Amino acid sequence: MHAMFNEMTASDWNTIKSAAESYNQDGTFATFWGFEWTSDTTEYQSNGLNLGHIAIINSSDFCVSTWSQTRTLNQLMTWLSTRDAIAFLNHPGQYDTTFDKFEFTRSEKVVGMELWNRNADFSYYYNDGFYSNDGNLGYFDEALKRGWYIGASGSEDNHSGTWGSGNARMAVLATEKTRTSIYDALKARRFYSTLDKNLVLSFTANGAHMGSKIGAGSLNIEIKASDGNNEAFSKIRLLKKGVGVQEWSPNSVNPVVTTTQSAVVGDYFYVIVKQSDGNEAISSPIFIN
């Protein structure tokens, strides 16, 4: 079931939710329902207010940007605040979207940002973002440095009906294949974005997984990676606030690396691993608060 943005009706919404419920089977196949809020209407574009596209998952109801109470990003964050839902910032910068340069009201209901979609490359990560005076940081780091508590997500943005057939994935570190467990992991930002369908990545600091908020001080960091097809990993990078601080060239199929880093409040760390065939994965950060 697919309804175009700003054309969603109550009947569409009920059909989407019913379809998700009918296919959900704990332990076998976990489903969620959702919609995309988007300001792509002619009115927004003509006024230079193409604010962005935001996917909203698990809400009991829906909204559209043409409604008076959810027309702006700040209004949408207020709407989210009263609902059991999570949201993802979709394809920043595409279609001239601005996201108010991430200066709108921060909400912890926003859990991630797309680093890739249809082209299955990290095109929204490897770019210069909205700001030209910050050392060429991409959209992800520009948002993180402005206090957004978001993880590294991705989505096929697939309009052809071949869902799940590509190699690029958003992998979720959940304890069970159930809606409850996966939803808890998404809210905790325990997920990473990968261009390989069975790449496994673990990133911890003082025992806390990616997505965690931990205290400042000395961090004992461990990074582990593996692949279902035994593909080798050629490079592992550790980044602090978007800048590389350490790099390894393991050239092995199951690398495990450890290091120690000092951290102060406001820092965040994440990792990028690269396989010999060029495929990469980017973890959600660990945040120092």
Protein backbone atom coordinates (compact mmCIF):
# COMPACT_ATOMS: atom_id res chain seq x y z
CA MET A 1 0.00 0.00 0.00
CA HIS A 2 1.46 3.37 -0.98
CA ALA A 3 -0.02 6.83 -0.62
CA MET A 4 1.70 9.89 -2.05
CA PHE A 5 2.92 12.49 0.42
CA ASN A 6 0.29 15.05 1.43
CA GLU A 7 -2.40 12.87 -0.15
CA MET A 8 -2.69 10.42 2.75
CA THR A 9 -6.23 9.78 3.93
CA ALA A 10 -7.51 8.11 7.07
CA SER A 11 -8.49 5.12 4.95
CA ASP A 12 -4.94 4.88 3.51
CA TRP A 13 -3.48 5.04 6.99
CA ASN A 14 -5.73 2.33 8.37
CA THR A 15 -4.88 0.07 5.41
CA ILE A 16 -1.14 0.56 5.98
CA LYS A 17 -1.42 -0.24 9.69
CA SER A 18 -3.62 -3.28 9.06
CA ALA A 19 -1.18 -4.65 6.48
CA ALA A 20 1.73 -4.27 8.92
CA GLU A 21 -0.20 -6.04 11.66
CA SER A 22 -1.22 -8.90 9.39
CA TYR A 23 2.37 -9.73 8.37
CA ASN A 24 4.03 -9.29 11.77
CA GLN A 25 5.12 -12.60 13.30
CA ASP A 26 7.42 -12.52 16.32
CA GLY A 27 10.61 -14.49 15.74
CA THR A 28 10.03 -14.77 12.00
CA PHE A 29 9.19 -11.42 10.39
CA ALA A 30 8.92 -8.08 12.17
CA THR A 31 6.94 -5.27 10.58
CA PHE A 32 6.33 -1.58 11.27
CA TRP A 33 4.02 1.00 9.77
CA GLY A 34 4.93 4.57 8.94
CA PHE A 35 4.66 7.56 6.63
CA GLU A 36 6.82 10.33 5.25
CA TRP A 37 6.27 13.97 6.14
CA THR A 38 7.52 16.07 3.25
CA SER A 39 7.41 19.70 2.24
CA ASP A 40 7.71 19.07 -1.50
CA THR A 41 4.57 20.90 -2.53
CA THR A 42 4.69 23.68 -5.12
CA GLU A 43 3.90 26.25 -2.41
CA TYR A 44 6.95 25.30 -0.34
CA GLN A 45 9.31 25.19 -3.31
CA SER A 46 8.16 28.54 -4.69
CA ASN A 47 8.90 30.15 -1.33
CA GLY A 48 12.30 28.49 -0.94
CA LEU A 49 10.98 26.45 1.98
CA ASN A 50 11.69 22.90 0.81
CA LEU A 51 12.38 21.86 4.40
CA GLY A 52 12.95 18.14 3.99
CA HIS A 53 11.58 14.61 4.06
CA ILE A 54 11.17 12.81 7.38
CA ALA A 55 10.09 9.17 7.81
CA ILE A 56 7.95 8.61 10.91
CA ILE A 57 7.53 5.08 12.27
CA ASN A 58 5.10 3.56 14.80
CA SER A 59 2.86 6.59 15.40
CA SER A 60 -0.80 5.93 16.11
CA ASP A 61 -1.85 8.57 13.59
CA PHE A 62 -0.32 10.57 10.74
CA CYS A 63 0.10 14.17 9.63
CA VAL A 64 1.01 16.08 6.49
CA SER A 65 2.89 19.33 5.92
CA THR A 66 -0.13 21.08 4.43
CA TRP A 67 -1.98 20.94 7.75
CA SER A 68 -1.73 24.18 9.71
CA GLN A 69 -0.50 22.45 12.88
CA THR A 70 2.35 20.53 11.16
CA ARG A 71 3.58 22.91 8.47
CA THR A 72 7.04 23.64 9.86
CA LEU A 73 9.83 21.48 11.24
CA ASN A 74 9.34 22.93 14.72
CA GLN A 75 5.63 22.15 14.57
CA LEU A 76 6.40 18.61 13.44
CA MET A 77 8.76 18.12 16.38
CA THR A 78 5.97 19.28 18.72
CA TRP A 79 3.59 16.80 17.08
CA LEU A 80 6.16 13.98 17.53
CA SER A 81 6.71 14.84 21.18
CA THR A 82 3.27 13.58 22.17
CA ARG A 83 3.45 10.28 20.28
CA ASP A 84 5.16 6.92 20.68
CA ALA A 85 7.10 7.21 17.45
CA ILE A 86 10.57 7.54 15.96
CA ALA A 87 11.72 9.54 12.95
CA PHE A 88 14.53 9.54 10.39
CA LEU A 89 15.90 12.48 8.40
CA ASN A 90 15.72 11.33 4.78
CA HIS A 91 18.21 12.17 1.98
CA PRO A 92 19.38 15.57 3.28
CA GLY A 93 20.16 18.09 0.56
CA GLN A 94 18.42 16.14 -2.19
CA TYR A 95 15.64 18.02 -4.04
CA ASP A 96 17.14 21.21 -2.56
CA THR A 97 15.89 20.33 0.91
CA THR A 98 17.37 22.47 3.67
CA PHE A 99 16.24 20.95 7.01
CA ASP A 100 16.73 24.52 8.27
CA LYS A 101 20.43 23.56 8.34
CA PHE A 102 19.63 21.43 11.43
CA GLU A 103 18.90 24.54 13.49
CA PHE A 104 15.29 23.62 14.26
CA THR A 105 14.09 22.25 17.61
CA ARG A 106 16.02 19.11 18.51
CA SER A 107 13.92 16.08 19.38
CA GLU A 108 15.09 12.72 20.69
CA LYS A 109 12.25 11.18 18.69
CA VAL A 110 14.52 11.73 15.66
CA VAL A 111 16.81 8.69 15.82
CA GLY A 112 18.68 8.61 12.51
CA MET A 113 19.74 10.13 9.22
CA GLU A 114 19.94 8.46 5.83
CA LEU A 115 23.54 8.08 4.67
CA TRP A 116 22.48 6.31 1.46
CA ASN A 117 19.35 5.39 -0.43
CA ARG A 118 18.64 4.33 -4.00
CA ASN A 119 22.18 4.49 -5.38
CA ALA A 120 23.49 2.26 -2.59
CA ASP A 121 26.51 4.46 -1.88
CA PHE A 122 27.15 6.80 1.04
CA SER A 123 26.28 9.84 -1.06
CA TYR A 124 24.75 11.72 1.87
CA TYR A 125 27.82 11.09 4.02
CA TYR A 126 30.64 11.92 1.62
CA ASN A 127 29.70 15.49 0.79
CA ASP A 128 30.22 19.03 2.03
CA GLY A 129 26.86 19.36 3.75
CA PHE A 130 25.09 22.69 4.16
CA TYR A 131 27.99 24.64 5.68
CA SER A 132 31.11 25.64 3.76
CA ASN A 133 33.34 26.70 6.67
CA ASP A 134 33.53 23.56 8.78
CA GLY A 135 36.25 21.48 7.18
CA ASN A 136 34.00 19.84 4.58
CA LEU A 137 31.84 18.01 7.11
CA GLY A 138 28.89 16.16 5.63
CA TYR A 139 25.26 16.43 6.68
CA PHE A 140 25.61 13.68 9.31
CA ASP A 141 28.39 15.44 11.23
CA GLU A 142 26.84 18.87 10.77
CA ALA A 143 23.75 17.61 12.57
CA LEU A 144 25.72 15.73 15.24
CA LYS A 145 27.83 18.79 16.04
CA ARG A 146 24.62 20.77 16.58
CA GLY A 147 23.48 18.38 19.26
CA TRP A 148 21.28 15.97 17.33
CA TYR A 149 21.21 12.50 18.90
CA ILE A 150 21.05 10.50 15.68
CA GLY A 151 22.44 7.26 14.32
CA ALA A 152 23.64 6.09 10.90
CA SER A 153 20.62 4.90 8.92
CA GLY A 154 19.83 4.17 5.29
CA SER A 155 16.86 3.28 3.15
CA GLU A 156 16.27 1.89 -0.33
CA ASP A 157 13.69 4.64 -1.06
CA ASN A 158 12.48 1.91 -3.40
CA HIS A 159 9.58 2.80 -5.70
CA SER A 160 9.81 -0.35 -7.83
CA GLY A 161 8.41 -2.99 -5.46
CA THR A 162 11.63 -5.02 -5.22
CA TRP A 163 12.02 -4.28 -1.52
CA GLY A 164 14.82 -5.98 0.36
CA SER A 165 16.56 -7.28 -2.76
CA GLY A 166 19.56 -4.93 -2.64
CA ASN A 167 22.79 -5.43 -0.73
CA ALA A 168 22.73 -2.12 1.18
CA ARG A 169 21.03 -2.38 4.56
CA MET A 170 20.38 -0.63 7.83
CA ALA A 171 21.41 -3.31 10.34
CA VAL A 172 19.86 -3.26 13.80
CA LEU A 173 21.51 -4.71 16.94
CA ALA A 174 18.46 -6.24 18.60
CA THR A 175 18.25 -9.19 20.98
CA GLU A 176 15.26 -10.80 19.24
CA LYS A 177 13.53 -10.69 15.88
CA THR A 178 10.44 -9.07 17.35
CA ARG A 179 8.84 -5.70 16.83
CA THR A 180 9.37 -4.79 20.50
CA SER A 181 13.06 -5.70 20.54
CA ILE A 182 13.85 -4.03 17.23
CA TYR A 183 11.92 -0.89 18.21
CA ASP A 184 13.86 -0.70 21.49
CA ALA A 185 17.12 -0.98 19.53
CA LEU A 186 16.08 1.73 17.09
CA LYS A 187 15.22 4.10 19.94
CA ALA A 188 18.65 3.37 21.45
CA ARG A 189 20.40 4.12 18.10
CA ARG A 190 21.85 0.58 18.11
CA PHE A 191 22.08 0.35 14.35
CA TYR A 192 24.58 0.87 11.56
CA SER A 193 24.45 1.49 7.82
CA THR A 194 26.12 -1.02 5.51
CA LEU A 195 26.56 -1.48 1.76
CA ASP A 196 27.05 -5.24 2.23
CA LYS A 197 24.01 -7.42 2.98
CA ASN A 198 25.65 -9.60 5.66
CA LEU A 199 28.39 -7.44 7.16
CA VAL A 200 28.41 -7.56 10.97
CA LEU A 201 29.81 -4.65 12.99
CA SER A 202 30.28 -4.10 16.71
CA PHE A 203 31.58 -0.86 18.22
CA THR A 204 31.79 -0.38 21.98
CA ALA A 205 33.39 2.07 24.41
CA ASN A 206 33.78 0.99 28.04
CA GLY A 207 31.40 -1.84 27.19
CA ALA A 208 28.64 0.47 25.88
CA HIS A 209 27.35 -0.19 22.35
CA MET A 210 26.98 2.24 19.48
CA GLY A 211 24.17 4.71 20.17
CA SER A 212 24.98 4.90 23.88
CA LYS A 213 25.48 8.04 25.92
CA ILE A 214 28.38 7.63 28.35
CA GLY A 215 30.49 9.75 30.65
CA ALA A 216 33.67 11.62 29.81
CA GLY A 217 37.15 10.35 30.60
CA SER A 218 39.27 7.50 29.29
CA LEU A 219 37.50 5.20 26.82
CA ASN A 220 38.45 1.59 26.16
CA ILE A 221 37.25 1.08 22.60
CA GLU A 222 36.72 -2.22 20.82
CA ILE A 223 35.78 -2.64 17.15
CA LYS A 224 34.86 -6.03 15.67
CA ALA A 225 33.72 -6.89 12.16
CA SER A 226 32.86 -9.99 10.17
CA ASP A 227 31.08 -11.00 6.98
CA GLY A 228 28.77 -13.88 6.08
CA ASN A 229 30.77 -14.55 2.91
CA ASN A 230 34.14 -14.32 4.68
CA GLU A 231 35.08 -11.15 2.83
CA ALA A 232 38.23 -9.48 4.12
CA PHE A 233 38.31 -6.03 5.73
CA SER A 234 40.97 -3.71 4.36
CA LYS A 235 40.51 -0.67 6.59
CA ILE A 236 39.01 0.36 9.91
CA ARG A 237 38.74 4.04 10.86
CA LEU A 238 37.83 5.60 14.20
CA LEU A 239 36.43 9.13 13.97
CA LYS A 240 35.94 11.73 16.68
CA LYS A 241 33.52 14.57 15.85
CA GLY A 242 33.82 13.68 12.18
CA VAL A 243 37.62 13.68 12.07
CA GLY A 244 39.71 10.53 11.82
CA VAL A 245 41.81 9.85 14.94
CA GLN A 246 43.03 6.31 14.31
CA GLU A 247 43.21 3.84 11.43
CA TRP A 248 44.01 0.16 10.98
CA SER A 249 44.64 -2.01 7.90
CA PRO A 250 43.78 -5.52 9.17
CA ASN A 251 43.33 -7.32 5.82
CA SER A 252 41.53 -10.11 7.66
CA VAL A 253 38.02 -11.60 7.64
CA ASN A 254 37.31 -11.22 11.37
CA PRO A 255 39.25 -8.18 12.58
CA VAL A 256 39.20 -7.13 16.23
CA VAL A 257 40.97 -3.92 17.18
CA THR A 258 41.19 -2.09 20.48
CA THR A 259 42.40 1.34 21.49
CA THR A 260 42.12 3.97 24.21
CA GLN A 261 40.83 7.49 23.66
CA SER A 262 40.20 10.44 25.97
CA ALA A 263 36.82 12.14 25.73
CA VAL A 264 35.17 15.29 27.04
CA VAL A 265 31.52 16.30 27.15
CA GLY A 266 30.27 17.02 23.63
CA ASP A 267 32.52 14.51 21.90
CA TYR A 268 31.12 11.68 19.83
CA PHE A 269 32.88 8.74 18.17
CA TYR A 270 31.92 6.40 15.34
CA VAL A 271 33.66 3.94 13.06
CA ILE A 272 33.85 3.21 9.34
CA VAL A 273 34.94 -0.21 8.11
CA LYS A 274 35.86 -0.99 4.51
CA GLN A 275 36.02 -4.35 2.78
CA SER A 276 38.45 -5.38 0.07
CA ASP A 277 35.73 -5.00 -2.59
CA GLY A 278 35.15 -1.38 -1.52
CA ASN A 279 31.92 -1.89 0.42
CA GLU A 280 31.72 0.15 3.62
CA ALA A 281 29.73 0.30 6.83
CA ILE A 282 29.29 3.27 9.16
CA SER A 283 28.28 2.84 12.80
CA SER A 284 26.03 5.01 14.85
CA PRO A 285 28.06 7.16 17.26
CA ILE A 286 28.78 6.76 20.93
CA PHE A 287 28.01 10.10 22.59
CA ILE A 288 29.85 11.71 25.52
CA ASN A 289 27.41 13.59 27.75
